Amino acid sequence: MSTALARRDLLAALLAATALPGLAHAATPLLPDLDRAAAARIGKAWLAGRPDIGSAALARRLLPHGRGPDALPALRRQVSEDFRRGAVFVHRGWRLSETEGALFGLLALEE
């Protein structure tokens, strides 16, 4: 049995990491296999196409009502809507929604 996270499991963990304050930096069983360096590379790639965005603006965009319990369901809805609209970010063969790319970007900025 492999312990590596599947792509969608990783993205769910990423959503949780950026939606819940402090979780991205905490030693927690929720994110044991998260390759923080790889996540930062994806985030930096997304940010490279958006040089004028900072962490505060990105957090306001992604989490307009803060990082409370409603943030994760709202982010999941945004991801689904991005795919419906064709708003995607492709990185090394991964087809991510713009929201997922932005979450990686926020995680990279908050590291």
PDB file of N, CA and C in Angstrom:
ATOM      1  N   MET A   1       0.842  -1.186   0.000  1.00  0.00           N
ATOM      2  CA  MET A   1       0.000   0.000   0.000  1.00  0.00           C
ATOM      3  C   MET A   1       0.885   1.246   0.000  1.00  0.00           C
ATOM      4  N   SER A   2       0.655   2.142  -0.908  1.00  0.00           N
ATOM      5  CA  SER A   2       1.441   3.357  -1.025  1.00  0.00           C
ATOM      6  C   SER A   2       0.931   4.422  -0.060  1.00  0.00           C
ATOM      7  N   THR A   3       1.855   5.215   0.471  1.00  0.00           N
ATOM      8  CA  THR A   3       1.453   6.302   1.353  1.00  0.00           C
ATOM      9  C   THR A   3       1.413   7.629   0.622  1.00  0.00           C
ATOM     10  N   ALA A   4       1.818   7.642  -0.644  1.00  0.00           N
ATOM     11  CA  ALA A   4       1.797   8.880  -1.410  1.00  0.00           C
ATOM     12  C   ALA A   4       0.359   9.331  -1.635  1.00  0.00           C
ATOM     13  N   LEU A   5       0.161  10.624  -1.570  1.00  0.00           N
ATOM     14  CA  LEU A   5      -1.170  11.169  -1.785  1.00  0.00           C
ATOM     15  C   LEU A   5      -1.510  11.170  -3.266  1.00  0.00           C
ATOM     16  N   ALA A   6      -2.730  10.824  -3.589  1.00  0.00           N
ATOM     17  CA  ALA A   6      -3.227  10.973  -4.947  1.00  0.00           C
ATOM     18  C   ALA A   6      -3.420  12.459  -5.211  1.00  0.00           C
ATOM     19  N   ARG A   7      -3.499  12.849  -6.472  1.00  0.00           N
ATOM     20  CA  ARG A   7      -3.599  14.254  -6.828  1.00  0.00           C
ATOM     21  C   ARG A   7      -4.747  14.954  -6.098  1.00  0.00           C
ATOM     22  N   ARG A   8      -5.928  14.402  -6.150  1.00  0.00           N
ATOM     23  CA  ARG A   8      -7.068  15.056  -5.504  1.00  0.00           C
ATOM     24  C   ARG A   8      -6.942  15.033  -3.980  1.00  0.00           C
ATOM     25  N   ASP A   9      -6.311  14.008  -3.418  1.00  0.00           N
ATOM     26  CA  ASP A   9      -6.072  14.001  -1.973  1.00  0.00           C
ATOM     27  C   ASP A   9      -5.126  15.141  -1.610  1.00  0.00           C
ATOM     28  N   LEU A  10      -4.102  15.348  -2.415  1.00  0.00           N
ATOM     29  CA  LEU A  10      -3.163  16.439  -2.179  1.00  0.00           C
ATOM     30  C   LEU A  10      -3.881  17.772  -2.240  1.00  0.00           C
ATOM     31  N   LEU A  11      -4.744  17.936  -3.247  1.00  0.00           N
ATOM     32  CA  LEU A  11      -5.437  19.207  -3.385  1.00  0.00           C
ATOM     33  C   LEU A  11      -6.413  19.434  -2.234  1.00  0.00           C
ATOM     34  N   ALA A  12      -7.048  18.378  -1.754  1.00  0.00           N
ATOM     35  CA  ALA A  12      -7.920  18.518  -0.591  1.00  0.00           C
ATOM     36  C   ALA A  12      -7.109  18.946   0.624  1.00  0.00           C
ATOM     37  N   ALA A  13      -5.926  18.356   0.788  1.00  0.00           N
ATOM     38  CA  ALA A  13      -5.052  18.745   1.896  1.00  0.00           C
ATOM     39  C   ALA A  13      -4.597  20.193   1.726  1.00  0.00           C
ATOM     40  N   LEU A  14      -4.309  20.587   0.489  1.00  0.00           N
ATOM     41  CA  LEU A  14      -3.905  21.958   0.212  1.00  0.00           C
ATOM     42  C   LEU A  14      -5.026  22.924   0.547  1.00  0.00           C
ATOM     43  N   LEU A  15      -6.247  22.586   0.151  1.00  0.00           N
ATOM     44  CA  LEU A  15      -7.388  23.433   0.485  1.00  0.00           C
ATOM     45  C   LEU A  15      -7.493  23.594   1.994  1.00  0.00           C
ATOM     46  N   ALA A  16      -7.357  22.489   2.701  1.00  0.00           N
ATOM     47  CA  ALA A  16      -7.433  22.547   4.157  1.00  0.00           C
ATOM     48  C   ALA A  16      -6.280  23.365   4.733  1.00  0.00           C
ATOM     49  N   ALA A  17      -5.091  23.197   4.185  1.00  0.00           N
ATOM     50  CA  ALA A  17      -3.915  23.900   4.693  1.00  0.00           C
ATOM     51  C   ALA A  17      -4.046  25.403   4.553  1.00  0.00           C
ATOM     52  N   THR A  18      -4.619  25.856   3.458  1.00  0.00           N
ATOM     53  CA  THR A  18      -4.734  27.300   3.251  1.00  0.00           C
ATOM     54  C   THR A  18      -6.015  27.865   3.848  1.00  0.00           C
ATOM     55  N   ALA A  19      -7.009  27.022   4.070  1.00  0.00           N
ATOM     56  CA  ALA A  19      -8.277  27.516   4.600  1.00  0.00           C
ATOM     57  C   ALA A  19      -8.279  27.616   6.113  1.00  0.00           C
ATOM     58  N   LEU A  20      -7.468  26.813   6.764  1.00  0.00           N
ATOM     59  CA  LEU A  20      -7.471  26.790   8.226  1.00  0.00           C
ATOM     60  C   LEU A  20      -6.208  27.456   8.751  1.00  0.00           C
ATOM     61  N   PRO A  21      -6.332  28.490   9.569  1.00  0.00           N
ATOM     62  CA  PRO A  21      -5.159  29.240  10.009  1.00  0.00           C
ATOM     63  C   PRO A  21      -4.155  28.364  10.751  1.00  0.00           C
ATOM     64  N   GLY A  22      -2.895  28.539  10.373  1.00  0.00           N
ATOM     65  CA  GLY A  22      -1.816  27.850  11.063  1.00  0.00           C
ATOM     66  C   GLY A  22      -1.603  26.407  10.673  1.00  0.00           C
ATOM     67  N   LEU A  23      -2.544  25.797   9.975  1.00  0.00           N
ATOM     68  CA  LEU A  23      -2.441  24.373   9.674  1.00  0.00           C
ATOM     69  C   LEU A  23      -1.299  24.072   8.712  1.00  0.00           C
ATOM     70  N   ALA A  24      -1.043  24.959   7.791  1.00  0.00           N
ATOM     71  CA  ALA A  24       0.014  24.713   6.805  1.00  0.00           C
ATOM     72  C   ALA A  24       1.377  24.572   7.460  1.00  0.00           C
ATOM     73  N   HIS A  25       1.563  25.207   8.594  1.00  0.00           N
ATOM     74  CA  HIS A  25       2.863  25.178   9.241  1.00  0.00           C
ATOM     75  C   HIS A  25       2.927  24.216  10.417  1.00  0.00           C
ATOM     76  N   ALA A  26       1.805  23.665  10.780  1.00  0.00           N
ATOM     77  CA  ALA A  26       1.756  22.781  11.955  1.00  0.00           C
ATOM     78  C   ALA A  26       2.192  21.373  11.589  1.00  0.00           C
ATOM     79  N   ALA A  27       2.783  20.699  12.542  1.00  0.00           N
ATOM     80  CA  ALA A  27       3.077  19.275  12.366  1.00  0.00           C
ATOM     81  C   ALA A  27       1.773  18.548  12.639  1.00  0.00           C
ATOM     82  N   THR A  28       1.166  18.017  11.598  1.00  0.00           N
ATOM     83  CA  THR A  28      -0.152  17.426  11.739  1.00  0.00           C
ATOM     84  C   THR A  28      -0.289  16.188  10.887  1.00  0.00           C
ATOM     85  N   PRO A  29      -1.011  15.177  11.353  1.00  0.00           N
ATOM     86  CA  PRO A  29      -1.209  13.972  10.551  1.00  0.00           C
ATOM     87  C   PRO A  29      -2.007  14.224   9.274  1.00  0.00           C
ATOM     88  N   LEU A  30      -2.726  15.372   9.185  1.00  0.00           N
ATOM     89  CA  LEU A  30      -3.511  15.654   7.992  1.00  0.00           C
ATOM     90  C   LEU A  30      -2.626  15.823   6.756  1.00  0.00           C
ATOM     91  N   LEU A  31      -1.421  16.333   6.941  1.00  0.00           N
ATOM     92  CA  LEU A  31      -0.545  16.660   5.818  1.00  0.00           C
ATOM     93  C   LEU A  31       0.789  15.914   5.871  1.00  0.00           C
ATOM     94  N   PRO A  32       0.823  14.636   6.231  1.00  0.00           N
ATOM     95  CA  PRO A  32       2.114  13.973   6.424  1.00  0.00           C
ATOM     96  C   PRO A  32       2.917  13.831   5.138  1.00  0.00           C
ATOM     97  N   ASP A  33       2.255  13.712   3.999  1.00  0.00           N
ATOM     98  CA  ASP A  33       2.950  13.468   2.743  1.00  0.00           C
ATOM     99  C   ASP A  33       3.029  14.706   1.859  1.00  0.00           C
ATOM    100  N   LEU A  34       2.633  15.852   2.377  1.00  0.00           N
ATOM    101  CA  LEU A  34       2.669  17.064   1.577  1.00  0.00           C
ATOM    102  C   LEU A  34       4.119  17.464   1.347  1.00  0.00           C
ATOM    103  N   ASP A  35       4.539  17.452   0.113  1.00  0.00           N
ATOM    104  CA  ASP A  35       5.884  17.879  -0.261  1.00  0.00           C
ATOM    105  C   ASP A  35       5.836  19.399  -0.361  1.00  0.00           C
ATOM    106  N   ARG A  36       6.222  20.045   0.707  1.00  0.00           N
ATOM    107  CA  ARG A  36       6.109  21.506   0.764  1.00  0.00           C
ATOM    108  C   ARG A  36       6.948  22.195  -0.313  1.00  0.00           C
ATOM    109  N   ALA A  37       8.087  21.622  -0.660  1.00  0.00           N
ATOM    110  CA  ALA A  37       8.922  22.209  -1.715  1.00  0.00           C
ATOM    111  C   ALA A  37       8.208  22.124  -3.063  1.00  0.00           C
ATOM    112  N   ALA A  38       7.572  20.988  -3.344  1.00  0.00           N
ATOM    113  CA  ALA A  38       6.832  20.839  -4.601  1.00  0.00           C
ATOM    114  C   ALA A  38       5.638  21.783  -4.618  1.00  0.00           C
ATOM    115  N   ALA A  39       4.929  21.886  -3.497  1.00  0.00           N
ATOM    116  CA  ALA A  39       3.793  22.801  -3.420  1.00  0.00           C
ATOM    117  C   ALA A  39       4.243  24.236  -3.658  1.00  0.00           C
ATOM    118  N   ALA A  40       5.381  24.608  -3.095  1.00  0.00           N
ATOM    119  CA  ALA A  40       5.919  25.959  -3.288  1.00  0.00           C
ATOM    120  C   ALA A  40       6.294  26.191  -4.750  1.00  0.00           C
ATOM    121  N   ARG A  41       6.858  25.179  -5.417  1.00  0.00           N
ATOM    122  CA  ARG A  41       7.206  25.334  -6.842  1.00  0.00           C
ATOM    123  C   ARG A  41       5.954  25.562  -7.686  1.00  0.00           C
ATOM    124  N   ILE A  42       4.901  24.820  -7.405  1.00  0.00           N
ATOM    125  CA  ILE A  42       3.645  25.016  -8.149  1.00  0.00           C
ATOM    126  C   ILE A  42       3.113  26.416  -7.874  1.00  0.00           C
ATOM    127  N   GLY A  43       3.126  26.810  -6.609  1.00  0.00           N
ATOM    128  CA  GLY A  43       2.657  28.142  -6.250  1.00  0.00           C
ATOM    129  C   GLY A  43       3.458  29.239  -6.915  1.00  0.00           C
ATOM    130  N   LYS A  44       4.774  29.080  -6.946  1.00  0.00           N
ATOM    131  CA  LYS A  44       5.631  30.088  -7.586  1.00  0.00           C
ATOM    132  C   LYS A  44       5.391  30.137  -9.090  1.00  0.00           C
ATOM    133  N   ALA A  45       5.126  29.000  -9.698  1.00  0.00           N
ATOM    134  CA  ALA A  45       4.811  28.978 -11.136  1.00  0.00           C
ATOM    135  C   ALA A  45       3.513  29.727 -11.395  1.00  0.00           C
ATOM    136  N   TRP A  46       2.508  29.510 -10.556  1.00  0.00           N
ATOM    137  CA  TRP A  46       1.243  30.231 -10.717  1.00  0.00           C
ATOM    138  C   TRP A  46       1.472  31.726 -10.507  1.00  0.00           C
ATOM    139  N   LEU A  47       2.230  32.078  -9.486  1.00  0.00           N
ATOM    140  CA  LEU A  47       2.494  33.484  -9.180  1.00  0.00           C
ATOM    141  C   LEU A  47       3.315  34.171 -10.270  1.00  0.00           C
ATOM    142  N   ALA A  48       4.155  33.421 -10.979  1.00  0.00           N
ATOM    143  CA  ALA A  48       4.998  34.016 -12.022  1.00  0.00           C
ATOM    144  C   ALA A  48       4.154  34.695 -13.103  1.00  0.00           C
ATOM    145  N   GLY A  49       2.987  34.175 -13.361  1.00  0.00           N
ATOM    146  CA  GLY A  49       2.100  34.783 -14.346  1.00  0.00           C
ATOM    147  C   GLY A  49       1.250  35.904 -13.779  1.00  0.00           C
ATOM    148  N   ARG A  50       1.413  36.176 -12.495  1.00  0.00           N
ATOM    149  CA  ARG A  50       0.624  37.194 -11.810  1.00  0.00           C
ATOM    150  C   ARG A  50       1.537  37.966 -10.853  1.00  0.00           C
ATOM    151  N   PRO A  51       2.524  38.691 -11.387  1.00  0.00           N
ATOM    152  CA  PRO A  51       3.551  39.297 -10.524  1.00  0.00           C
ATOM    153  C   PRO A  51       3.046  40.394  -9.587  1.00  0.00           C
ATOM    154  N   ASP A  52       1.873  40.938  -9.840  1.00  0.00           N
ATOM    155  CA  ASP A  52       1.395  42.055  -9.022  1.00  0.00           C
ATOM    156  C   ASP A  52       0.538  41.635  -7.840  1.00  0.00           C
ATOM    157  N   ILE A  53       0.344  40.337  -7.636  1.00  0.00           N
ATOM    158  CA  ILE A  53      -0.528  39.905  -6.536  1.00  0.00           C
ATOM    159  C   ILE A  53       0.305  39.553  -5.304  1.00  0.00           C
ATOM    160  N   GLY A  54      -0.169  40.002  -4.171  1.00  0.00           N
ATOM    161  CA  GLY A  54       0.498  39.715  -2.901  1.00  0.00           C
ATOM    162  C   GLY A  54      -0.355  38.809  -2.038  1.00  0.00           C
ATOM    163  N   SER A  55       0.187  38.391  -0.919  1.00  0.00           N
ATOM    164  CA  SER A  55      -0.530  37.427  -0.081  1.00  0.00           C
ATOM    165  C   SER A  55      -1.822  38.005   0.492  1.00  0.00           C
ATOM    166  N   ALA A  56      -1.827  39.280   0.872  1.00  0.00           N
ATOM    167  CA  ALA A  56      -3.051  39.860   1.449  1.00  0.00           C
ATOM    168  C   ALA A  56      -4.172  39.902   0.415  1.00  0.00           C
ATOM    169  N   ALA A  57      -3.857  40.349  -0.794  1.00  0.00           N
ATOM    170  CA  ALA A  57      -4.873  40.408  -1.852  1.00  0.00           C
ATOM    171  C   ALA A  57      -5.345  39.007  -2.235  1.00  0.00           C
ATOM    172  N   LEU A  58      -4.424  38.085  -2.290  1.00  0.00           N
ATOM    173  CA  LEU A  58      -4.772  36.708  -2.647  1.00  0.00           C
ATOM    174  C   LEU A  58      -5.649  36.076  -1.569  1.00  0.00           C
ATOM    175  N   ALA A  59      -5.322  36.303  -0.321  1.00  0.00           N
ATOM    176  CA  ALA A  59      -6.143  35.777   0.774  1.00  0.00           C
ATOM    177  C   ALA A  59      -7.540  36.382   0.741  1.00  0.00           C
ATOM    178  N   ARG A  60      -7.643  37.688   0.455  1.00  0.00           N
ATOM    179  CA  ARG A  60      -8.965  38.318   0.349  1.00  0.00           C
ATOM    180  C   ARG A  60      -9.768  37.726  -0.799  1.00  0.00           C
ATOM    181  N   ARG A  61      -9.099  37.456  -1.906  1.00  0.00           N
ATOM    182  CA  ARG A  61      -9.775  36.870  -3.077  1.00  0.00           C
ATOM    183  C   ARG A  61     -10.266  35.458  -2.779  1.00  0.00           C
ATOM    184  N   LEU A  62      -9.418  34.647  -2.203  1.00  0.00           N
ATOM    185  CA  LEU A  62      -9.756  33.248  -1.964  1.00  0.00           C
ATOM    186  C   LEU A  62     -10.639  33.054  -0.742  1.00  0.00           C
ATOM    187  N   LEU A  63     -10.440  33.877   0.262  1.00  0.00           N
ATOM    188  CA  LEU A  63     -11.110  33.687   1.554  1.00  0.00           C
ATOM    189  C   LEU A  63     -11.782  34.988   1.984  1.00  0.00           C
ATOM    190  N   PRO A  64     -12.777  35.461   1.204  1.00  0.00           N
ATOM    191  CA  PRO A  64     -13.373  36.770   1.494  1.00  0.00           C
ATOM    192  C   PRO A  64     -14.070  36.843   2.855  1.00  0.00           C
ATOM    193  N   HIS A  65     -14.456  35.712   3.395  1.00  0.00           N
ATOM    194  CA  HIS A  65     -15.134  35.690   4.693  1.00  0.00           C
ATOM    195  C   HIS A  65     -14.231  35.111   5.778  1.00  0.00           C
ATOM    196  N   GLY A  66     -12.931  35.087   5.524  1.00  0.00           N
ATOM    197  CA  GLY A  66     -11.969  34.597   6.502  1.00  0.00           C
ATOM    198  C   GLY A  66     -11.726  33.100   6.374  1.00  0.00           C
ATOM    199  N   ARG A  67     -10.957  32.596   7.305  1.00  0.00           N
ATOM    200  CA  ARG A  67     -10.521  31.205   7.274  1.00  0.00           C
ATOM    201  C   ARG A  67     -11.301  30.336   8.246  1.00  0.00           C
ATOM    202  N   GLY A  68     -12.575  30.582   8.348  1.00  0.00           N
ATOM    203  CA  GLY A  68     -13.425  29.820   9.253  1.00  0.00           C
ATOM    204  C   GLY A  68     -13.934  28.535   8.630  1.00  0.00           C
ATOM    205  N   PRO A  69     -14.911  27.921   9.289  1.00  0.00           N
ATOM    206  CA  PRO A  69     -15.403  26.610   8.853  1.00  0.00           C
ATOM    207  C   PRO A  69     -16.098  26.617   7.497  1.00  0.00           C
ATOM    208  N   ASP A  70     -16.570  27.770   7.029  1.00  0.00           N
ATOM    209  CA  ASP A  70     -17.237  27.836   5.732  1.00  0.00           C
ATOM    210  C   ASP A  70     -16.263  28.001   4.565  1.00  0.00           C
ATOM    211  N   ALA A  71     -14.994  28.229   4.865  1.00  0.00           N
ATOM    212  CA  ALA A  71     -14.016  28.506   3.814  1.00  0.00           C
ATOM    213  C   ALA A  71     -13.793  27.307   2.896  1.00  0.00           C
ATOM    214  N   LEU A  72     -13.645  26.133   3.453  1.00  0.00           N
ATOM    215  CA  LEU A  72     -13.341  24.958   2.636  1.00  0.00           C
ATOM    216  C   LEU A  72     -14.464  24.635   1.653  1.00  0.00           C
ATOM    217  N   PRO A  73     -15.728  24.585   2.073  1.00  0.00           N
ATOM    218  CA  PRO A  73     -16.796  24.334   1.095  1.00  0.00           C
ATOM    219  C   PRO A  73     -16.867  25.415   0.008  1.00  0.00           C
ATOM    220  N   ALA A  74     -16.628  26.678   0.389  1.00  0.00           N
ATOM    221  CA  ALA A  74     -16.644  27.758  -0.593  1.00  0.00           C
ATOM    222  C   ALA A  74     -15.520  27.590  -1.610  1.00  0.00           C
ATOM    223  N   LEU A  75     -14.336  27.189  -1.151  1.00  0.00           N
ATOM    224  CA  LEU A  75     -13.209  26.969  -2.057  1.00  0.00           C
ATOM    225  C   LEU A  75     -13.496  25.807  -3.014  1.00  0.00           C
ATOM    226  N   ARG A  76     -14.092  24.757  -2.501  1.00  0.00           N
ATOM    227  CA  ARG A  76     -14.439  23.616  -3.362  1.00  0.00           C
ATOM    228  C   ARG A  76     -15.423  24.050  -4.450  1.00  0.00           C
ATOM    229  N   ARG A  77     -16.382  24.902  -4.090  1.00  0.00           N
ATOM    230  CA  ARG A  77     -17.334  25.410  -5.102  1.00  0.00           C
ATOM    231  C   ARG A  77     -16.596  26.253  -6.148  1.00  0.00           C
ATOM    232  N   GLN A  78     -15.648  27.066  -5.704  1.00  0.00           N
ATOM    233  CA  GLN A  78     -14.876  27.886  -6.639  1.00  0.00           C
ATOM    234  C   GLN A  78     -14.087  27.014  -7.611  1.00  0.00           C
ATOM    235  N   VAL A  79     -13.488  25.952  -7.094  1.00  0.00           N
ATOM    236  CA  VAL A  79     -12.725  25.030  -7.943  1.00  0.00           C
ATOM    237  C   VAL A  79     -13.637  24.427  -9.009  1.00  0.00           C
ATOM    238  N   SER A  80     -14.805  23.958  -8.602  1.00  0.00           N
ATOM    239  CA  SER A  80     -15.753  23.368  -9.555  1.00  0.00           C
ATOM    240  C   SER A  80     -16.180  24.381 -10.605  1.00  0.00           C
ATOM    241  N   GLU A  81     -16.459  25.600 -10.179  1.00  0.00           N
ATOM    242  CA  GLU A  81     -16.867  26.650 -11.111  1.00  0.00           C
ATOM    243  C   GLU A  81     -15.728  26.975 -12.088  1.00  0.00           C
ATOM    244  N   ASP A  82     -14.505  27.018 -11.603  1.00  0.00           N
ATOM    245  CA  ASP A  82     -13.359  27.265 -12.489  1.00  0.00           C
ATOM    246  C   ASP A  82     -13.319  26.235 -13.611  1.00  0.00           C
ATOM    247  N   PHE A  83     -13.446  24.962 -13.270  1.00  0.00           N
ATOM    248  CA  PHE A  83     -13.396  23.920 -14.295  1.00  0.00           C
ATOM    249  C   PHE A  83     -14.552  24.054 -15.268  1.00  0.00           C
ATOM    250  N   ARG A  84     -15.740  24.399 -14.768  1.00  0.00           N
ATOM    251  CA  ARG A  84     -16.890  24.592 -15.668  1.00  0.00           C
ATOM    252  C   ARG A  84     -16.638  25.721 -16.658  1.00  0.00           C
ATOM    253  N   ARG A  85     -15.968  26.777 -16.195  1.00  0.00           N
ATOM    254  CA  ARG A  85     -15.682  27.936 -17.049  1.00  0.00           C
ATOM    255  C   ARG A  85     -14.425  27.753 -17.893  1.00  0.00           C
ATOM    256  N   GLY A  86     -13.671  26.707 -17.627  1.00  0.00           N
ATOM    257  CA  GLY A  86     -12.415  26.497 -18.346  1.00  0.00           C
ATOM    258  C   GLY A  86     -11.278  27.344 -17.817  1.00  0.00           C
ATOM    259  N   ALA A  87     -11.415  27.842 -16.595  1.00  0.00           N
ATOM    260  CA  ALA A  87     -10.373  28.658 -15.975  1.00  0.00           C
ATOM    261  C   ALA A  87      -9.367  27.724 -15.315  1.00  0.00           C
ATOM    262  N   VAL A  88      -8.339  27.357 -16.090  1.00  0.00           N
ATOM    263  CA  VAL A  88      -7.383  26.370 -15.605  1.00  0.00           C
ATOM    264  C   VAL A  88      -5.953  26.901 -15.693  1.00  0.00           C
ATOM    265  N   PHE A  89      -5.106  26.265 -14.912  1.00  0.00           N
ATOM    266  CA  PHE A  89      -3.673  26.538 -14.870  1.00  0.00           C
ATOM    267  C   PHE A  89      -2.993  25.186 -15.071  1.00  0.00           C
ATOM    268  N   VAL A  90      -2.130  25.093 -16.061  1.00  0.00           N
ATOM    269  CA  VAL A  90      -1.451  23.829 -16.335  1.00  0.00           C
ATOM    270  C   VAL A  90       0.005  23.964 -15.890  1.00  0.00           C
ATOM    271  N   HIS A  91       0.424  23.003 -15.070  1.00  0.00           N
ATOM    272  CA  HIS A  91       1.803  22.998 -14.582  1.00  0.00           C
ATOM    273  C   HIS A  91       2.328  21.569 -14.625  1.00  0.00           C
ATOM    274  N   ARG A  92       3.340  21.356 -15.447  1.00  0.00           N
ATOM    275  CA  ARG A  92       3.996  20.038 -15.567  1.00  0.00           C
ATOM    276  C   ARG A  92       2.996  18.901 -15.743  1.00  0.00           C
ATOM    277  N   GLY A  93       2.022  19.131 -16.612  1.00  0.00           N
ATOM    278  CA  GLY A  93       1.045  18.100 -16.914  1.00  0.00           C
ATOM    279  C   GLY A  93      -0.148  18.059 -15.985  1.00  0.00           C
ATOM    280  N   TRP A  94      -0.110  18.831 -14.910  1.00  0.00           N
ATOM    281  CA  TRP A  94      -1.258  18.903 -14.012  1.00  0.00           C
ATOM    282  C   TRP A  94      -2.188  19.990 -14.515  1.00  0.00           C
ATOM    283  N   ARG A  95      -3.427  19.680 -14.630  1.00  0.00           N
ATOM    284  CA  ARG A  95      -4.447  20.654 -15.015  1.00  0.00           C
ATOM    285  C   ARG A  95      -5.173  21.048 -13.735  1.00  0.00           C
ATOM    286  N   LEU A  96      -4.877  22.237 -13.255  1.00  0.00           N
ATOM    287  CA  LEU A  96      -5.440  22.742 -12.007  1.00  0.00           C
ATOM    288  C   LEU A  96      -6.425  23.851 -12.301  1.00  0.00           C
ATOM    289  N   SER A  97      -7.407  23.992 -11.444  1.00  0.00           N
ATOM    290  CA  SER A  97      -8.286  25.156 -11.564  1.00  0.00           C
ATOM    291  C   SER A  97      -7.491  26.401 -11.171  1.00  0.00           C
ATOM    292  N   GLU A  98      -7.962  27.555 -11.600  1.00  0.00           N
ATOM    293  CA  GLU A  98      -7.313  28.799 -11.183  1.00  0.00           C
ATOM    294  C   GLU A  98      -7.316  28.923  -9.669  1.00  0.00           C
ATOM    295  N   THR A  99      -8.399  28.491  -9.033  1.00  0.00           N
ATOM    296  CA  THR A  99      -8.464  28.563  -7.572  1.00  0.00           C
ATOM    297  C   THR A  99      -7.416  27.663  -6.935  1.00  0.00           C
ATOM    298  N   GLU A 100      -7.238  26.459  -7.472  1.00  0.00           N
ATOM    299  CA  GLU A 100      -6.206  25.567  -6.938  1.00  0.00           C
ATOM    300  C   GLU A 100      -4.824  26.186  -7.121  1.00  0.00           C
ATOM    301  N   GLY A 101      -4.572  26.757  -8.299  1.00  0.00           N
ATOM    302  CA  GLY A 101      -3.295  27.434  -8.531  1.00  0.00           C
ATOM    303  C   GLY A 101      -3.088  28.578  -7.557  1.00  0.00           C
ATOM    304  N   ALA A 102      -4.162  29.338  -7.317  1.00  0.00           N
ATOM    305  CA  ALA A 102      -4.083  30.454  -6.377  1.00  0.00           C
ATOM    306  C   ALA A 102      -3.822  29.956  -4.963  1.00  0.00           C
ATOM    307  N   LEU A 103      -4.417  28.830  -4.594  1.00  0.00           N
ATOM    308  CA  LEU A 103      -4.162  28.268  -3.268  1.00  0.00           C
ATOM    309  C   LEU A 103      -2.709  27.845  -3.121  1.00  0.00           C
ATOM    310  N   PHE A 104      -2.152  27.234  -4.175  1.00  0.00           N
ATOM    311  CA  PHE A 104      -0.724  26.909  -4.145  1.00  0.00           C
ATOM    312  C   PHE A 104       0.088  28.200  -4.026  1.00  0.00           C
ATOM    313  N   GLY A 105      -0.336  29.246  -4.751  1.00  0.00           N
ATOM    314  CA  GLY A 105       0.342  30.528  -4.677  1.00  0.00           C
ATOM    315  C   GLY A 105       0.304  31.111  -3.273  1.00  0.00           C
ATOM    316  N   LEU A 106      -0.866  31.060  -2.642  1.00  0.00           N
ATOM    317  CA  LEU A 106      -0.993  31.566  -1.286  1.00  0.00           C
ATOM    318  C   LEU A 106      -0.123  30.765  -0.324  1.00  0.00           C
ATOM    319  N   LEU A 107      -0.118  29.468  -0.487  1.00  0.00           N
ATOM    320  CA  LEU A 107       0.737  28.632   0.369  1.00  0.00           C
ATOM    321  C   LEU A 107       2.201  28.990   0.184  1.00  0.00           C
ATOM    322  N   ALA A 108       2.614  29.235  -1.068  1.00  0.00           N
ATOM    323  CA  ALA A 108       4.009  29.610  -1.336  1.00  0.00           C
ATOM    324  C   ALA A 108       4.342  30.964  -0.703  1.00  0.00           C
ATOM    325  N   LEU A 109       3.422  31.901  -0.772  1.00  0.00           N
ATOM    326  CA  LEU A 109       3.654  33.228  -0.195  1.00  0.00           C
ATOM    327  C   LEU A 109       3.682  33.184   1.329  1.00  0.00           C
ATOM    328  N   GLU A 110       2.939  32.265   1.920  1.00  0.00           N
ATOM    329  CA  GLU A 110       2.864  32.200   3.375  1.00  0.00           C
ATOM    330  C   GLU A 110       3.942  31.335   3.999  1.00  0.00           C
ATOM    331  N   GLU A 111       4.760  30.661   3.174  1.00  0.00           N
ATOM    332  CA  GLU A 111       5.830  29.808   3.708  1.00  0.00           C
ATOM    333  C   GLU A 111       6.890  30.668   4.371  1.00  0.00           C
TER     334      GLU A 111
END
